[in-house]
Structure formats: structure tokens, C-alpha cells
C-alpha atoms as a PDB file:
ATOM      1  CA  MET A   1     -46.351 -40.506  82.166  1.00  0.00           C
ATOM      2  CA  LYS A   2     -43.496 -39.121  84.206  1.00  0.00           C
ATOM      3  CA  ARG A   3     -42.319 -35.606  83.237  1.00  0.00           C
ATOM      4  CA  ARG A   4     -38.808 -35.652  81.767  1.00  0.00           C
ATOM      5  CA  ASN A   5     -36.103 -33.234  82.549  1.00  0.00           C
ATOM      6  CA  LEU A   6     -34.518 -31.788  79.311  1.00  0.00           C
ATOM      7  CA  THR A   7     -31.210 -30.949  81.043  1.00  0.00           C
ATOM      8  CA  HIS A   8     -30.824 -34.520  82.230  1.00  0.00           C
ATOM      9  CA  ASP A   9     -31.698 -35.868  78.812  1.00  0.00           C
ATOM     10  CA  ILE A  10     -29.052 -33.512  77.209  1.00  0.00           C
ATOM     11  CA  CYS A  11     -26.381 -34.701  79.621  1.00  0.00           C
ATOM     12  CA  ARG A  12     -27.362 -38.398  78.908  1.00  0.00           C
ATOM     13  CA  THR A  13     -27.067 -37.699  75.236  1.00  0.00           C
ATOM     14  CA  ILE A  14     -23.943 -35.685  74.765  1.00  0.00           C
ATOM     15  CA  GLY A  15     -22.254 -36.030  78.112  1.00  0.00           C
ATOM     16  CA  HIS A  16     -21.646 -33.843  81.028  1.00  0.00           C
ATOM     17  CA  ALA A  17     -20.105 -30.354  80.838  1.00  0.00           C
ATOM     18  CA  TRP A  18     -17.571 -30.832  83.705  1.00  0.00           C
ATOM     19  CA  PHE A  19     -15.688 -28.114  85.608  1.00  0.00           C
ATOM     20  CA  GLU A  20     -13.433 -28.544  88.630  1.00  0.00           C
ATOM     21  CA  ILE A  21     -14.777 -27.843  92.127  1.00  0.00           C
ATOM     22  CA  ASP A  22     -13.118 -27.811  95.567  1.00  0.00           C
ATOM     23  CA  SER A  23     -13.269 -31.122  97.456  1.00  0.00           C
ATOM     24  CA  THR A  24     -14.628 -31.012 100.983  1.00  0.00           C
ATOM     25  CA  SER A  25     -12.402 -33.897 102.088  1.00  0.00           C
ATOM     26  CA  LYS A  26      -8.633 -34.456 102.609  1.00  0.00           C
ATOM     27  CA  THR A  27      -6.571 -37.604 101.870  1.00  0.00           C
ATOM     28  CA  ASP A  28      -3.074 -38.552 103.044  1.00  0.00           C
ATOM     29  CA  PHE A  29      -2.457 -40.906 100.143  1.00  0.00           C
ATOM     30  CA  GLY A  30      -3.001 -38.836  97.106  1.00  0.00           C
ATOM     31  CA  TRP A  31      -5.515 -36.314  95.854  1.00  0.00           C
ATOM     32  CA  TYR A  32      -9.216 -35.792  95.417  1.00  0.00           C
ATOM     33  CA  PHE A  33     -10.215 -34.531  91.995  1.00  0.00           C
ATOM     34  CA  TRP A  34     -13.909 -33.347  91.971  1.00  0.00           C
ATOM     35  CA  VAL A  35     -15.846 -31.997  89.077  1.00  0.00           C
ATOM     36  CA  ALA A  36     -19.450 -30.956  88.648  1.00  0.00           C
ATOM     37  CA  CYS A  37     -21.626 -30.665  85.570  1.00  0.00           C
ATOM     38  CA  GLU A  38     -22.640 -27.079  84.777  1.00  0.00           C
ATOM     39  CA  ARG A  39     -25.880 -28.213  83.305  1.00  0.00           C
ATOM     40  CA  CYS A  40     -27.407 -30.848  85.705  1.00  0.00           C
ATOM     41  CA  ASN A  41     -25.161 -30.376  88.854  1.00  0.00           C
ATOM     42  CA  THR A  42     -24.104 -34.053  88.945  1.00  0.00           C
ATOM     43  CA  GLN A  43     -20.731 -34.378  90.701  1.00  0.00           C
ATOM     44  CA  ARG A  44     -17.968 -36.910  89.873  1.00  0.00           C
ATOM     45  CA  ARG A  45     -15.593 -37.511  92.792  1.00  0.00           C
ATOM     46  CA  ASP A  46     -12.254 -39.161  91.949  1.00  0.00           C
ATOM     47  CA  THR A  47      -9.570 -40.301  94.219  1.00  0.00           C
ATOM     48  CA  ILE A  48      -6.094 -40.268  92.720  1.00  0.00           C
ATOM     49  CA  ASN A  49      -3.115 -41.987  94.313  1.00  0.00           C
ATOM     50  CA  LEU A  50       0.453 -40.636  94.518  1.00  0.00           C
ATOM     51  CA  ARG A  51       1.355 -42.412  91.187  1.00  0.00           C
ATOM     52  CA  GLY A  52      -1.515 -40.766  89.450  1.00  0.00           C
ATOM     53  CA  ASP A  53      -3.712 -43.822  89.212  1.00  0.00           C
ATOM     54  CA  LEU A  54      -7.443 -43.598  89.683  1.00  0.00           C
ATOM     55  CA  ASN A  55      -8.235 -45.320  93.006  1.00  0.00           C
ATOM     56  CA  SER A  56     -11.981 -44.648  93.156  1.00  0.00           C
ATOM     57  CA  ARG A  57     -14.719 -42.788  91.334  1.00  0.00           C
ATOM     58  CA  ARG A  58     -18.100 -41.962  92.825  1.00  0.00           C
ATOM     59  CA  TYR A  59     -21.022 -39.987  91.293  1.00  0.00           C
ATOM     60  CA  VAL A  60     -23.344 -37.754  93.244  1.00  0.00           C
ATOM     61  CA  TYR A  61     -26.367 -37.191  91.104  1.00  0.00           C
ATOM     62  CA  ALA A  62     -28.622 -34.189  90.926  1.00  0.00           C
ATOM     63  CA  ASP A  63     -32.163 -34.572  92.214  1.00  0.00           C
ATOM     64  CA  ASN A  64     -34.140 -37.114  90.071  1.00  0.00           C
ATOM     65  CA  TYR A  65     -31.160 -37.648  87.678  1.00  0.00           C
ATOM     66  CA  ALA A  66     -30.663 -41.300  88.513  1.00  0.00           C
ATOM     67  CA  ASN A  67     -34.355 -41.900  88.498  1.00  0.00           C
ATOM     68  CA  SER A  68     -35.061 -40.388  85.058  1.00  0.00           C
ATOM     69  CA  GLY A  69     -34.907 -43.713  83.243  1.00  0.00           C
ATOM     70  CA  LYS A  70     -32.542 -45.385  80.881  1.00  0.00           C
ATOM     71  CA  LEU A  71     -33.094 -45.082  77.139  1.00  0.00           C
ATOM     72  CA  THR A  72     -30.866 -45.530  74.180  1.00  0.00           C
ATOM     73  CA  LYS A  73     -28.874 -42.373  72.979  1.00  0.00           C
ATOM     74  CA  ALA A  74     -31.182 -42.368  69.861  1.00  0.00           C
ATOM     75  CA  GLU A  75     -34.254 -42.208  72.099  1.00  0.00           C
ATOM     76  CA  TYR A  76     -32.702 -39.363  74.113  1.00  0.00           C
ATOM     77  CA  ARG A  77     -31.889 -37.469  71.019  1.00  0.00           C
ATOM     78  CA  ALA A  78     -35.411 -37.866  69.710  1.00  0.00           C
ATOM     79  CA  ILE A  79     -36.867 -36.510  73.022  1.00  0.00           C
ATOM     80  CA  ILE A  80     -34.473 -33.628  72.982  1.00  0.00           C
ATOM     81  CA  MET A  81     -35.230 -32.667  69.399  1.00  0.00           C
ATOM     82  CA  GLN A  82     -39.074 -33.004  69.991  1.00  0.00           C
ATOM     83  CA  LYS A  83     -38.706 -30.599  72.942  1.00  0.00           C
ATOM     84  CA  LEU A  84     -36.325 -28.022  71.323  1.00  0.00           C
ATOM     85  CA  HIS A  85     -37.779 -28.226  67.809  1.00  0.00           C
ATOM     86  CA  PRO A  86     -41.365 -29.506  67.833  1.00  0.00           C
ATOM     87  CA  ILE A  87     -42.688 -30.566  64.472  1.00  0.00           C
ATOM     88  CA  ARG A  88     -45.674 -28.454  63.673  1.00  0.00           C
ATOM     89  CA  LYS A  89     -48.559 -30.060  61.926  1.00  0.00           C
ATOM     90  CA  ARG A  90     -49.355 -28.642  58.493  1.00  0.00           C
ATOM     91  CA  LYS A  91     -52.727 -27.056  58.251  1.00  0.00           C
ATOM     92  CA  ALA A  92     -55.071 -28.719  55.817  1.00  0.00           C
ATOM     93  CA  SER A  93     -55.818 -26.638  52.727  1.00  0.00           C
END
């Protein structure tokens, strides 16, 4: 079974924790608005036109993020809880 990345599972469950980063590109027709996730390092790169409309959106995923599999949010929550708060088996009396 493939080893799961807890940070990726948390982002897939509750969403990314975005903060603004500098873009490395310039545009003559609007602005680039780039953000990165402080947990998993995924980047979202938006292009905004002069009216403020979103022209394009592209994601640059952290290593192995896109390959970590698609589950339901409930399945991700269960995985996270099992990793963070493992259920300990009761000792037989």
C-alpha cells in the first residue's frame, strides 16, 4: 500500500492555507496573483485582467500531491484522525 502524506490529506480535507507570493512573470494586460499553501507548498497562479476578471488559473502541485489519490472528504477525515489520534485497543482483563 502506498504511503500517504498527512499534510496533503489535511489540505484535501480542509483546504489550502494560502499566502501571497511574488510572481516570476510579467503581463501587459493585467496582473498575476500567485499564492502558495503554507502546509503543502502547492501554488495557485491566477491571471487577472484589467477589469478584475479571472482570465486563467493554474495549479503547480507539490511533489506527489497530484498522485496521492482521490478519496471522499469523509475518507480523508478518517485517515487524518487515525494518524493524529490513533484508537488504542483496550487490554483484555
